[in-house]
Each structure stands twice: as structure tokens, then as C-alpha cells.
Amino acid sequence: MEQYKGKIAILGSGNIGLSLAKGLVKANYVSPSQISLTRRNVAGLDAYAAHGYHVSTDNAAVVANADIVVLAVLPQQLNQLLDQIKGVLDVNKQLFISVASGVSCADVRNKLADQAQVVRAMPNTAIAIGQSMTCVATDNASEANVKEVVRMFETVGAVVKINEDLMTSATALCACGIAFFLRAIRAASQGGVEIGFHADEALKMAVQTAKGAADLLLQMESHPEQEIDKVTSPKGCTIAGLNEMEHNGFSSSLIKGIKLSAEKAGALYTKE
């Protein structure tokens, strides 16, 4: 991959921000010296400083020298952050990437400058191992800037470009979705304990089975029901188990949970 030549500021170096930084360096998209990380307490970034990343508590100073600015704070902290940096912007040169849930591109531009180039990205925590599902959207950014954001996040997983009005839905399905699938794996492992396995054995078996199911769909490019049909024989044990789960609302509860998470994601940010 051709290295990006500019400087990247990641404001709010929590799990997502730090995972992105590590992923970009691991994929040789940039070197550590091209990335600045900010946090209120930089003591937590000592290990990154030792590896050549710039670390700072001064968001404005970091933004003044950046080409790409990643807004990686919680939605509740975003307005304060935007107030800190709006005096040092160069909107003709800088690209802003927001990973804050429920915050539109227009919301960010209203706080910064109307002509600012803003792209929303919604990764999930699998970004830490280069397996994120990241959705990307914008309302005004140039095609070149969107391509750069896609290229950036493809270094840490898969990327899909979507319409911006679907971003809160993407949050529920992909970002919150990690927790839903983890809970399903946990439940399967608990079932394994009930039928005789030790907890560590049951968890390993459930995890690998879930990974196998996902890889089947990815590599075979098939539909879940196609693969389910291959495991369900007449009067068999698989269909009996599936039907019992459905009688108890398995699919319905998952669908309802995703819908509720989408509603919550859309209400996390207050414009004022």
C-alpha cells in the first residue's frame, strides 16, 4: 500500500482511536511519527509516545498541524471539543472524520465551518484486530476525500459506503452488534456447560463454531438459510433445537434489540 503523506490527529484516544492508530501503522498506511494522539490524561499514552507517536493534551495545537482530524470522543464531549479547535482550522486543506455516534456531518459543520469537509465513519471494536465492519457516509465531502477515508479504514477491516441517514442504523447493526453476537456466543457456551463440558472447553467450542459460521457465509457467499438447510435433517436434533429457540423468541428478540439500539444511537448527541 502506498503510504499516506500527511499528518493525522486522533482527538480522544480511547479504544477506537487507539485501535485505529495501531491499525494504520501496522498496515503501513502511515508511520507513528505522522500520528498525534490527544487525551486529557496523557500518562495513559506513554507506551505510544515510546513507539514514536506524538501525544498531547492540547487539541488545538495538534489540529493546527494536521491534514486529517479524527473526532473520536463520546457524543456528549463533542461540542466542547469542537469549540476548542474551531479557531485553528484550515478548511481548504483539512479533512474531518467523525466516529461519534448520532452526530451528523451537518452537526459538525455547524460547529466548525459550513465548507468543512466532514466524513462520518462508524467502526466497531474488532478494529483492534483489523476486523472492523466500518460504515462511511458524508453529505458534502469530495470524492477524493471519501476515497481516502475508505482506504484508511480498509486497513483495519471491511468498509461499506452508505447514505448518511442510515448511520444510526449502522451503529446498531455493526457497532452495538458486536455485543449482540458476543452475548449469543456466551449463551451457547453456557448451554455447553449444561450438557457436560467444562466452561473453558465450551467457550472455545462456541467461539470456533461461531467463527466457522461467519466464515462460511463470507467465503461461500451464501445465505444463512442455505447453510442452515445443510445441517437440518428431517426429525433431526438441529431443527428441534432451532425451533425451540424460535418458540422462545430468538430471532424476534435480536431484531427488537437492534431496533432499540438504533433509536438510542440517534438520541446520544444534543446539538446545544
Protein backbone atom coordinates (compact mmCIF):
# COMPACT_ATOMS: atom_id res chain seq x y z
CA MET A 1 0.00 0.00 0.00
CA GLU A 2 1.18 3.50 -0.83
CA GLN A 3 1.81 5.44 2.38
CA TYR A 4 -0.30 8.47 3.17
CA LYS A 5 1.99 11.51 3.22
CA GLY A 6 0.09 13.85 5.58
CA LYS A 7 -0.36 14.13 9.32
CA ILE A 8 -3.26 12.60 11.26
CA ALA A 9 -4.64 13.89 14.55
CA ILE A 10 -6.78 11.48 16.58
CA LEU A 11 -8.66 13.50 19.19
CA GLY A 12 -9.91 11.35 22.05
CA SER A 13 -7.61 8.36 22.21
CA GLY A 14 -9.90 5.73 23.70
CA ASN A 15 -10.42 2.17 22.43
CA ILE A 16 -11.49 3.11 18.89
CA GLY A 17 -8.96 5.93 18.45
CA LEU A 18 -6.00 3.88 19.67
CA SER A 19 -7.06 0.80 17.70
CA LEU A 20 -7.28 2.92 14.56
CA ALA A 21 -3.82 4.38 15.20
CA LYS A 22 -2.28 0.93 15.72
CA GLY A 23 -4.08 -0.48 12.68
CA LEU A 24 -2.92 2.32 10.38
CA VAL A 25 0.70 1.83 11.44
CA LYS A 26 0.53 -1.97 11.25
CA ALA A 27 -0.85 -1.72 7.69
CA ASN A 28 1.92 0.76 6.78
CA TYR A 29 -0.68 3.42 5.90
CA VAL A 30 1.39 5.87 7.99
CA SER A 31 4.32 5.76 10.40
CA PRO A 32 3.83 6.55 14.12
CA SER A 33 5.53 9.94 13.70
CA GLN A 34 2.66 11.03 11.40
CA ILE A 35 0.02 10.43 14.08
CA SER A 36 -0.79 12.70 17.02
CA LEU A 37 -2.92 11.32 19.85
CA THR A 38 -4.73 13.51 22.36
CA ARG A 39 -6.21 12.68 25.73
CA ARG A 40 -6.96 14.58 28.93
CA ASN A 41 -4.51 12.38 30.82
CA VAL A 42 -1.53 11.60 28.56
CA ALA A 43 0.07 9.29 31.13
CA GLY A 44 -2.04 6.54 29.58
CA LEU A 45 -0.29 7.18 26.25
CA ASP A 46 3.31 6.71 27.47
CA ALA A 47 3.69 3.43 25.60
CA TYR A 48 2.59 5.11 22.37
CA ALA A 49 4.99 8.00 22.86
CA ALA A 50 7.79 5.45 23.30
CA HIS A 51 6.88 3.99 19.89
CA GLY A 52 7.14 7.35 18.14
CA TYR A 53 3.57 8.67 18.22
CA HIS A 54 3.10 12.30 19.21
CA VAL A 55 0.95 12.63 22.34
CA SER A 56 -0.66 15.79 23.70
CA THR A 57 -3.42 17.27 25.83
CA ASP A 58 -3.69 20.30 23.52
CA ASN A 59 -6.32 19.54 20.87
CA ALA A 60 -5.99 22.93 19.15
CA ALA A 61 -2.21 22.70 18.76
CA VAL A 62 -2.46 19.21 17.30
CA VAL A 63 -5.24 20.16 14.87
CA ALA A 64 -3.29 23.20 13.64
CA ASN A 65 -0.64 20.84 12.21
CA ALA A 66 -2.94 18.08 10.92
CA ASP A 67 -4.24 17.17 7.46
CA ILE A 68 -6.77 14.60 8.70
CA VAL A 69 -8.55 15.14 12.03
CA VAL A 70 -10.34 12.17 13.59
CA LEU A 71 -13.01 13.15 16.12
CA ALA A 72 -13.06 10.11 18.38
CA VAL A 73 -14.67 11.43 21.57
CA LEU A 74 -18.06 10.48 23.03
CA PRO A 75 -21.05 12.35 21.57
CA GLN A 76 -21.54 14.12 24.92
CA GLN A 77 -17.98 15.54 24.72
CA LEU A 78 -18.04 16.58 21.07
CA ASN A 79 -19.39 20.13 21.33
CA GLN A 80 -16.70 21.10 23.85
CA LEU A 81 -14.01 19.60 21.60
CA LEU A 82 -15.27 21.42 18.50
CA ASP A 83 -15.27 24.71 20.43
CA GLN A 84 -11.61 24.10 21.33
CA ILE A 85 -10.43 23.55 17.74
CA LYS A 86 -12.62 25.79 15.55
CA GLY A 87 -10.22 28.75 15.84
CA VAL A 88 -7.29 26.88 14.24
CA LEU A 89 -8.94 25.25 11.22
CA ASP A 90 -7.78 25.35 7.64
CA VAL A 91 -10.95 24.12 5.92
CA ASN A 92 -9.33 24.26 2.48
CA LYS A 93 -6.74 21.69 3.47
CA GLN A 94 -8.18 19.60 6.31
CA LEU A 95 -10.47 16.59 6.31
CA PHE A 96 -12.55 15.77 9.40
CA ILE A 97 -13.61 12.21 10.22
CA SER A 98 -16.19 11.82 12.97
CA VAL A 99 -16.73 8.47 14.70
CA ALA A 100 -19.14 9.95 17.27
CA SER A 101 -22.48 8.10 17.35
CA GLY A 102 -25.59 10.03 16.36
CA VAL A 103 -23.72 13.12 15.13
CA SER A 104 -24.40 14.16 11.53
CA CYS A 105 -21.87 15.75 9.17
CA ALA A 106 -24.07 18.87 9.24
CA ASP A 107 -23.88 18.95 13.05
CA VAL A 108 -20.08 19.03 12.88
CA ARG A 109 -20.03 21.63 10.10
CA ASN A 110 -22.46 23.85 12.00
CA LYS A 111 -19.95 23.98 14.88
CA LEU A 112 -16.83 24.35 12.72
CA ALA A 113 -17.40 25.92 9.31
CA ASP A 114 -20.01 25.35 6.64
CA GLN A 115 -17.43 24.44 3.99
CA ALA A 116 -15.54 21.97 6.20
CA GLN A 117 -15.04 18.54 4.64
CA VAL A 118 -16.63 16.04 7.03
CA VAL A 119 -16.97 12.26 6.68
CA ARG A 120 -18.70 10.06 9.24
CA ALA A 121 -17.25 6.64 9.97
CA MET A 122 -18.74 4.00 12.24
CA PRO A 123 -16.22 1.24 13.02
CA ASN A 124 -16.62 -1.40 15.72
CA THR A 125 -14.27 -2.74 18.38
CA ALA A 126 -12.97 -5.51 16.09
CA ILE A 127 -10.89 -2.67 14.65
CA ALA A 128 -8.37 -3.69 17.34
CA ILE A 129 -7.57 -6.88 15.37
CA GLY A 130 -8.07 -5.44 11.87
CA GLN A 131 -11.54 -6.98 11.51
CA SER A 132 -13.83 -3.97 11.86
CA MET A 133 -17.01 -3.53 9.85
CA THR A 134 -16.87 0.23 9.16
CA CYS A 135 -19.67 2.19 7.52
CA VAL A 136 -18.79 5.51 5.88
CA ALA A 137 -21.06 8.41 4.84
CA THR A 138 -20.89 12.11 4.01
CA ASP A 139 -23.11 14.97 2.93
CA ASN A 140 -20.50 17.22 1.32
CA ALA A 141 -17.01 15.72 1.19
CA SER A 142 -15.24 15.39 -2.15
CA GLU A 143 -14.96 12.04 -3.88
CA ALA A 144 -11.20 12.11 -3.32
CA ASN A 145 -11.64 12.63 0.44
CA VAL A 146 -14.22 9.85 0.71
CA LYS A 147 -11.86 7.50 -1.18
CA GLU A 148 -9.08 8.38 1.28
CA VAL A 149 -11.32 7.60 4.27
CA VAL A 150 -12.36 4.28 2.70
CA ARG A 151 -8.68 3.46 2.03
CA MET A 152 -7.83 4.34 5.63
CA PHE A 153 -10.48 2.12 7.20
CA GLU A 154 -9.88 -0.76 4.77
CA THR A 155 -6.53 -1.16 6.55
CA VAL A 156 -8.46 -2.20 9.69
CA GLY A 157 -11.30 -4.30 8.21
CA ALA A 158 -14.14 -4.12 5.70
CA VAL A 159 -15.80 -0.86 4.60
CA VAL A 160 -19.24 -0.06 3.15
CA LYS A 161 -20.30 3.37 1.88
CA ILE A 162 -23.89 4.16 2.86
CA ASN A 163 -26.33 7.07 2.84
CA GLU A 164 -25.90 9.24 5.90
CA ASP A 165 -29.49 8.75 7.08
CA LEU A 166 -28.59 5.10 7.69
CA MET A 167 -25.64 5.80 10.00
CA THR A 168 -27.54 5.33 13.27
CA SER A 169 -28.82 2.04 11.86
CA ALA A 170 -25.23 1.07 11.05
CA THR A 171 -24.31 1.88 14.66
CA ALA A 172 -26.90 -0.59 15.94
CA LEU A 173 -26.14 -3.38 13.47
CA CYS A 174 -22.33 -3.17 13.40
CA ALA A 175 -21.04 -1.31 16.46
CA CYS A 176 -23.62 -2.48 19.00
CA GLY A 177 -23.90 -5.71 17.01
CA ILE A 178 -20.52 -6.90 18.24
CA ALA A 179 -22.01 -7.15 21.74
CA PHE A 180 -25.11 -8.99 20.46
CA PHE A 181 -23.05 -11.69 18.76
CA LEU A 182 -20.75 -11.93 21.78
CA ARG A 183 -23.76 -12.48 24.02
CA ALA A 184 -25.03 -15.21 21.67
CA ILE A 185 -21.63 -16.94 21.87
CA ARG A 186 -21.66 -16.62 25.65
CA ALA A 187 -25.14 -18.17 25.80
CA ALA A 188 -24.05 -21.04 23.57
CA SER A 189 -21.07 -21.71 25.85
CA GLN A 190 -23.37 -21.74 28.88
CA GLY A 191 -25.55 -24.28 27.10
CA GLY A 192 -22.39 -26.33 26.56
CA VAL A 193 -21.71 -26.34 30.28
CA GLU A 194 -25.27 -27.52 30.95
CA ILE A 195 -24.73 -30.53 28.70
CA GLY A 196 -21.43 -31.57 30.25
CA PHE A 197 -18.44 -29.52 29.08
CA HIS A 198 -16.08 -27.54 31.28
CA ALA A 199 -16.55 -23.77 30.90
CA ASP A 200 -13.25 -23.20 29.08
CA GLU A 201 -13.91 -26.07 26.66
CA ALA A 202 -17.46 -24.92 25.99
CA LEU A 203 -16.36 -21.35 25.28
CA LYS A 204 -13.61 -22.45 22.88
CA MET A 205 -16.06 -24.70 21.04
CA ALA A 206 -18.74 -22.00 20.83
CA VAL A 207 -16.27 -19.34 19.63
CA GLN A 208 -14.80 -21.53 16.88
CA THR A 209 -18.26 -22.67 15.78
CA ALA A 210 -19.42 -19.05 15.52
CA LYS A 211 -16.27 -18.12 13.58
CA GLY A 212 -16.84 -21.05 11.25
CA ALA A 213 -20.45 -19.97 10.64
CA ALA A 214 -19.37 -16.42 9.76
CA ASP A 215 -16.53 -17.61 7.52
CA LEU A 216 -18.89 -19.98 5.72
CA LEU A 217 -21.10 -17.05 4.72
CA LEU A 218 -18.16 -14.82 3.78
CA GLN A 219 -16.25 -17.38 1.75
CA MET A 220 -19.15 -19.26 0.18
CA GLU A 221 -21.10 -16.01 -0.39
CA SER A 222 -24.21 -17.91 0.58
CA HIS A 223 -27.33 -17.08 2.61
CA PRO A 224 -27.67 -18.22 6.25
CA GLU A 225 -30.74 -20.31 5.42
CA GLN A 226 -28.82 -22.18 2.71
CA GLU A 227 -26.20 -23.20 5.26
CA ILE A 228 -28.87 -23.98 7.89
CA ASP A 229 -30.61 -26.32 5.42
CA LYS A 230 -27.37 -28.33 5.13
CA VAL A 231 -27.43 -29.05 8.89
CA THR A 232 -31.14 -29.71 9.40
CA SER A 233 -32.20 -33.26 8.57
CA PRO A 234 -35.82 -34.48 8.89
CA LYS A 235 -36.82 -35.11 12.50
CA GLY A 236 -33.24 -34.25 13.45
CA CYS A 237 -31.67 -32.66 16.51
CA THR A 238 -30.68 -29.36 14.81
CA ILE A 239 -34.17 -28.42 13.65
CA ALA A 240 -35.56 -29.38 17.07
CA GLY A 241 -33.13 -27.01 18.77
CA LEU A 242 -33.70 -24.20 16.25
CA ASN A 243 -37.46 -24.41 16.56
CA GLU A 244 -37.28 -24.39 20.37
CA MET A 245 -35.17 -21.19 20.20
CA GLU A 246 -37.62 -19.59 17.79
CA HIS A 247 -40.59 -20.54 20.03
CA ASN A 248 -38.79 -18.59 22.76
CA GLY A 249 -38.28 -15.55 20.56
CA PHE A 250 -34.64 -15.92 19.45
CA SER A 251 -34.86 -14.05 16.13
CA SER A 252 -37.55 -11.69 17.39
CA SER A 253 -35.52 -10.60 20.44
CA LEU A 254 -32.45 -9.94 18.31
CA ILE A 255 -34.44 -7.85 15.85
CA LYS A 256 -36.10 -5.89 18.65
CA GLY A 257 -32.74 -5.28 20.34
CA ILE A 258 -31.22 -3.92 17.12
CA LYS A 259 -34.21 -1.61 16.60
CA LEU A 260 -34.00 -0.25 20.15
CA SER A 261 -30.24 0.30 19.87
CA ALA A 262 -30.80 2.28 16.67
CA GLU A 263 -33.32 4.52 18.46
CA LYS A 264 -30.87 5.10 21.33
CA ALA A 265 -27.95 5.77 18.98
CA GLY A 266 -29.91 8.54 17.29
CA ALA A 267 -30.51 10.30 20.62
CA LEU A 268 -26.99 10.29 22.11
CA TYR A 269 -25.95 13.74 20.84
CA THR A 270 -27.50 17.06 21.78
CA LYS A 271 -26.77 19.87 19.37
CA GLU A 272 -26.59 22.61 22.05
